[in-house]
Amino acid sequence: MITLSLVGIGSGNPDHLTLQAIKTLEAADLILLPRKGDEKTELADLRRGIVSEVLSAAPDVVEFDYPIRDASTPKYLDGVNTWHDALASIWAGLIDQHAGARAHVALMVWGDPSLYDSTLRIAERLKAQGLDIDVNVIPGITSLQMLTAAHAIPLNDLGAPVLITTGRQLRDHGWPNEADTVAVMLDGECSFQHITPDGIDIYWGGYVGMPQQVLCEGALGDVKDKIIKTRAEARAENGWIMDIYLMRRKSV
């Protein structure tokens, strides 16, 4: 049986790797390392840096190119499922070509494999294809944890719930019912600008936990334009951006 370890690496900052993550990567026979196009070469470089600079025993590394999701697919989930099928086929081919039947294969995952990440779903597709595989998850520090740490704020109000959602959901459905605190991930369109800003504070961060980290906080109506401008400038400078934000209704 093949062991597939999905290893959370936080933002890619070596300081955020757990000892468990380092030991798991060092124990692997093979690390699969994705490349996501010329604009995101830094992401691959961060993973390469972890292998070369952090691991005392470097396993074999096989790099592969990520397929591009067809954004023109009429139904979003149909496009995502097709994309995940393509990724599962690539993983299966690389494991078949480069790993033995009892090999330990590892993948480094941004943040944590369980929070708005697709690697666990893709791994399930490998099982569905008949691959004899045991999936092992090594948790990582999430961007949400790094955001609240960077702003030195608690995630929740006292005794109050938190809702974690996506920019698409926020844009299409508005502020979630009965939620006072909303954390938003995977938002490439600054969907907070579609929310009525009265009585809402926002805590935004780009590249949280990384050397180029940028932060902005304040009343949503006061800082939303600043965030949009800052985000656009950072993306133009770096060629890519990962950002996240938390919004909270002010206590009356």
Protein backbone atom coordinates (compact mmCIF):
# COMPACT_ATOMS: atom_id res chain seq x y z
CA MET A 1 0.00 0.00 0.00
CA ILE A 2 1.19 3.51 -0.84
CA THR A 3 1.13 6.11 1.94
CA LEU A 4 0.23 9.61 0.77
CA SER A 5 1.01 12.33 3.32
CA LEU A 6 -0.65 15.70 2.81
CA VAL A 7 1.54 18.06 4.80
CA GLY A 8 0.30 21.49 5.81
CA ILE A 9 3.10 24.06 5.52
CA GLY A 10 1.30 27.26 6.49
CA SER A 11 2.32 30.22 4.33
CA GLY A 12 5.52 28.49 3.25
CA ASN A 13 7.52 30.32 5.91
CA PRO A 14 9.91 27.67 7.31
CA ASP A 15 9.28 29.03 10.81
CA HIS A 16 5.66 27.86 10.54
CA LEU A 17 6.40 24.21 9.83
CA THR A 18 5.65 21.91 12.74
CA LEU A 19 8.15 19.28 13.85
CA GLN A 20 5.64 16.66 12.69
CA ALA A 21 5.59 18.22 9.22
CA ILE A 22 9.39 18.23 8.98
CA LYS A 23 9.70 14.63 10.19
CA THR A 24 7.03 13.46 7.75
CA LEU A 25 8.67 15.16 4.77
CA GLU A 26 12.08 13.77 5.74
CA ALA A 27 10.63 10.25 6.01
CA ALA A 28 9.05 10.36 2.55
CA ASP A 29 10.49 8.45 -0.39
CA LEU A 30 9.11 10.96 -2.86
CA ILE A 31 7.79 14.53 -2.73
CA LEU A 32 5.50 15.72 -5.50
CA LEU A 33 6.03 19.45 -6.05
CA PRO A 34 3.52 21.43 -8.14
CA ARG A 35 4.37 24.33 -10.42
CA LYS A 36 1.59 26.86 -11.01
CA GLY A 37 2.80 28.86 -13.99
CA ASP A 38 5.33 31.64 -14.50
CA GLU A 39 3.39 34.17 -12.41
CA LYS A 40 3.55 31.95 -9.33
CA THR A 41 7.11 30.66 -9.52
CA GLU A 42 7.73 31.99 -6.01
CA LEU A 43 5.27 29.43 -4.63
CA ALA A 44 7.27 26.59 -6.13
CA ASP A 45 10.49 28.25 -4.96
CA LEU A 46 9.20 28.32 -1.38
CA ARG A 47 8.52 24.59 -1.51
CA ARG A 48 11.94 23.98 -3.06
CA GLY A 49 13.50 26.04 -0.28
CA ILE A 50 11.84 23.90 2.37
CA VAL A 51 13.29 20.76 0.79
CA SER A 52 16.80 22.16 0.36
CA GLU A 53 17.14 24.32 3.48
CA VAL A 54 14.90 22.81 6.16
CA LEU A 55 14.98 19.05 5.63
CA SER A 56 18.10 17.30 6.90
CA ALA A 57 17.36 14.31 4.66
CA ALA A 58 16.05 15.32 1.25
CA PRO A 59 13.80 12.77 -0.48
CA ASP A 60 13.49 12.52 -4.24
CA VAL A 61 11.46 15.39 -5.66
CA VAL A 62 9.35 15.24 -8.83
CA GLU A 63 7.90 18.52 -10.09
CA PHE A 64 4.77 18.75 -12.20
CA ASP A 65 2.69 21.45 -13.83
CA TYR A 66 -0.77 22.22 -12.50
CA PRO A 67 -3.53 21.98 -15.11
CA ILE A 68 -5.51 25.18 -15.60
CA ARG A 69 -9.12 25.18 -14.48
CA ASP A 70 -11.50 26.17 -17.28
CA ALA A 71 -13.12 29.30 -15.87
CA SER A 72 -15.58 29.40 -18.78
CA THR A 73 -17.42 26.26 -17.63
CA PRO A 74 -21.03 27.40 -17.08
CA LYS A 75 -21.38 25.70 -13.71
CA TYR A 76 -18.55 26.47 -11.29
CA LEU A 77 -18.61 23.09 -9.52
CA ASP A 78 -18.59 21.23 -12.85
CA GLY A 79 -15.40 23.05 -13.79
CA VAL A 80 -13.82 22.31 -10.41
CA ASN A 81 -14.70 18.60 -10.62
CA THR A 82 -13.18 18.32 -14.09
CA TRP A 83 -10.07 20.08 -12.83
CA HIS A 84 -9.80 17.77 -9.82
CA ASP A 85 -10.15 14.73 -12.10
CA ALA A 86 -7.24 16.03 -14.19
CA LEU A 87 -5.09 16.54 -11.10
CA ALA A 88 -5.90 13.06 -9.77
CA SER A 89 -4.82 11.56 -13.10
CA ILE A 90 -1.52 13.48 -12.94
CA TRP A 91 -0.86 12.34 -9.36
CA ALA A 92 -1.68 8.73 -10.23
CA GLY A 93 0.64 8.81 -13.23
CA LEU A 94 3.54 10.28 -11.23
CA ILE A 95 3.07 7.82 -8.37
CA ASP A 96 2.96 4.92 -10.83
CA GLN A 97 6.08 6.15 -12.61
CA HIS A 98 8.24 7.24 -9.69
CA ALA A 99 7.06 5.38 -6.57
CA GLY A 100 7.09 1.75 -5.57
CA ALA A 101 4.04 -0.17 -4.45
CA ARG A 102 4.87 0.47 -0.78
CA ALA A 103 6.33 3.95 -1.14
CA HIS A 104 5.70 6.97 1.07
CA VAL A 105 4.71 9.97 -1.07
CA ALA A 106 4.29 13.49 0.30
CA LEU A 107 2.67 16.69 -0.94
CA MET A 108 3.20 20.09 0.67
CA VAL A 109 -0.09 21.94 1.07
CA TRP A 110 -0.49 25.65 1.73
CA GLY A 111 -2.10 26.31 5.09
CA ASP A 112 -3.92 23.20 6.27
CA PRO A 113 -5.24 20.38 4.03
CA SER A 114 -8.67 20.53 5.69
CA LEU A 115 -9.52 24.25 5.25
CA TYR A 116 -10.64 25.30 1.75
CA ASP A 117 -8.09 23.10 0.03
CA SER A 118 -8.70 20.41 -2.57
CA THR A 119 -5.94 17.89 -1.92
CA LEU A 120 -8.07 15.63 0.28
CA ARG A 121 -10.80 15.49 -2.38
CA ILE A 122 -8.24 14.72 -5.08
CA ALA A 123 -6.78 11.95 -2.90
CA GLU A 124 -10.26 10.41 -2.65
CA ARG A 125 -10.35 10.32 -6.46
CA LEU A 126 -7.15 8.25 -6.40
CA LYS A 127 -8.91 5.70 -4.23
CA ALA A 128 -11.89 5.73 -6.59
CA GLN A 129 -9.50 4.95 -9.45
CA GLY A 130 -8.45 1.79 -7.61
CA LEU A 131 -5.10 2.97 -6.24
CA ASP A 132 -4.17 1.14 -3.03
CA ILE A 133 -3.43 4.19 -0.91
CA ASP A 134 -3.53 5.31 2.71
CA VAL A 135 -3.97 9.06 3.16
CA ASN A 136 -2.20 10.70 6.08
CA VAL A 137 -2.88 14.37 7.01
CA ILE A 138 -0.36 16.55 8.82
CA PRO A 139 -2.10 19.74 9.97
CA GLY A 140 -0.58 23.12 9.28
CA ILE A 141 -1.01 26.69 10.48
CA THR A 142 -3.88 28.25 8.55
CA SER A 143 -4.02 31.69 6.98
CA LEU A 144 -6.92 32.44 9.33
CA GLN A 145 -4.69 31.82 12.35
CA MET A 146 -1.94 33.95 10.83
CA LEU A 147 -4.41 36.75 10.07
CA THR A 148 -5.72 36.95 13.63
CA ALA A 149 -2.17 36.73 15.01
CA ALA A 150 -0.96 39.50 12.70
CA HIS A 151 -3.77 41.81 13.83
CA ALA A 152 -3.56 40.58 17.45
CA ILE A 153 -7.31 39.93 17.60
CA PRO A 154 -9.39 36.97 18.80
CA LEU A 155 -11.18 35.00 16.11
CA ASN A 156 -14.53 35.19 17.89
CA ASP A 157 -16.39 37.51 20.21
CA LEU A 158 -17.05 36.20 23.70
CA GLY A 159 -19.25 33.11 23.42
CA ALA A 160 -20.10 33.95 19.81
CA PRO A 161 -19.83 31.83 16.63
CA VAL A 162 -17.69 32.45 13.54
CA LEU A 163 -18.64 31.69 9.96
CA ILE A 164 -15.92 30.88 7.41
CA THR A 165 -16.93 31.36 3.79
CA THR A 166 -15.66 32.33 0.34
CA GLY A 167 -15.74 35.51 -1.68
CA ARG A 168 -18.09 33.88 -4.17
CA GLN A 169 -20.61 33.07 -1.44
CA LEU A 170 -20.36 36.55 0.05
CA ARG A 171 -20.85 38.19 -3.34
CA ASP A 172 -23.77 35.99 -4.40
CA HIS A 173 -25.62 35.74 -1.09
CA GLY A 174 -24.58 38.74 0.99
CA TRP A 175 -23.83 38.82 4.69
CA PRO A 176 -24.68 35.42 6.22
CA ASN A 177 -27.75 35.37 8.43
CA GLU A 178 -27.18 35.41 12.18
CA ALA A 179 -23.41 35.83 11.81
CA ASP A 180 -21.56 38.60 13.64
CA THR A 181 -18.08 37.51 12.59
CA VAL A 182 -17.33 36.34 9.04
CA ALA A 183 -13.94 35.14 7.78
CA VAL A 184 -13.59 35.20 3.99
CA MET A 185 -11.14 33.12 1.93
CA LEU A 186 -10.59 32.60 -1.80
CA ASP A 187 -11.75 36.08 -2.74
CA GLY A 188 -10.11 37.46 -5.86
CA GLU A 189 -12.68 40.22 -6.35
CA CYS A 190 -12.75 42.06 -3.00
CA SER A 191 -16.34 40.96 -2.42
CA PHE A 192 -16.54 42.99 0.77
CA GLN A 193 -17.30 46.00 -1.42
CA HIS A 194 -20.77 44.53 -2.06
CA ILE A 195 -21.63 44.53 1.66
CA THR A 196 -23.40 47.45 3.34
CA PRO A 197 -20.51 48.76 5.44
CA ASP A 198 -22.43 50.35 8.31
CA GLY A 199 -21.29 49.05 11.68
CA ILE A 200 -18.72 46.57 10.27
CA ASP A 201 -14.98 46.44 10.96
CA ILE A 202 -12.61 44.59 8.60
CA TYR A 203 -9.21 43.03 9.25
CA TRP A 204 -7.45 42.27 5.95
CA GLY A 205 -4.10 40.69 5.24
CA GLY A 206 -2.12 39.74 2.15
CA TYR A 207 0.74 37.20 2.23
CA VAL A 208 0.06 36.73 5.95
CA GLY A 209 3.02 35.17 7.71
CA MET A 210 5.39 35.88 4.83
CA PRO A 211 8.12 38.55 4.57
CA GLN A 212 6.00 40.69 2.21
CA GLN A 213 2.98 40.65 4.53
CA VAL A 214 0.65 43.66 4.19
CA LEU A 215 -2.17 44.48 6.60
CA CYS A 216 -5.08 46.89 6.80
CA GLU A 217 -7.83 47.26 9.37
CA GLY A 218 -10.61 49.65 10.28
CA ALA A 219 -14.22 50.48 9.64
CA LEU A 220 -15.21 48.84 6.34
CA GLY A 221 -16.58 52.06 4.86
CA ASP A 222 -13.34 53.90 5.67
CA VAL A 223 -10.75 51.39 4.46
CA LYS A 224 -12.35 49.32 1.68
CA ASP A 225 -10.93 51.49 -1.12
CA LYS A 226 -7.49 51.41 0.53
CA ILE A 227 -7.60 47.61 0.68
CA ILE A 228 -8.61 47.34 -2.99
CA LYS A 229 -5.75 49.65 -4.00
CA THR A 230 -3.20 47.94 -1.74
CA ARG A 231 -4.20 44.50 -2.99
CA ALA A 232 -3.92 45.53 -6.66
CA GLU A 233 -0.49 47.11 -6.12
CA ALA A 234 0.82 44.07 -4.23
CA ARG A 235 -0.46 41.67 -6.87
CA ALA A 236 1.13 43.72 -9.65
CA GLU A 237 4.45 43.82 -7.80
CA ASN A 238 4.60 40.12 -6.95
CA GLY A 239 2.63 38.62 -9.84
CA TRP A 240 0.29 36.82 -7.42
CA ILE A 241 -1.40 37.35 -4.08
CA MET A 242 -2.93 35.25 -1.35
CA ASP A 243 -5.15 37.26 0.97
CA ILE A 244 -7.79 36.73 3.60
CA TYR A 245 -9.96 38.94 5.76
CA LEU A 246 -12.25 38.90 8.74
CA MET A 247 -15.27 41.18 9.15
CA ARG A 248 -17.08 41.77 12.42
CA ARG A 249 -20.22 43.66 13.33
CA LYS A 250 -19.57 46.23 16.00
CA SER A 251 -21.23 45.57 19.35
CA VAL A 252 -24.19 47.87 19.90
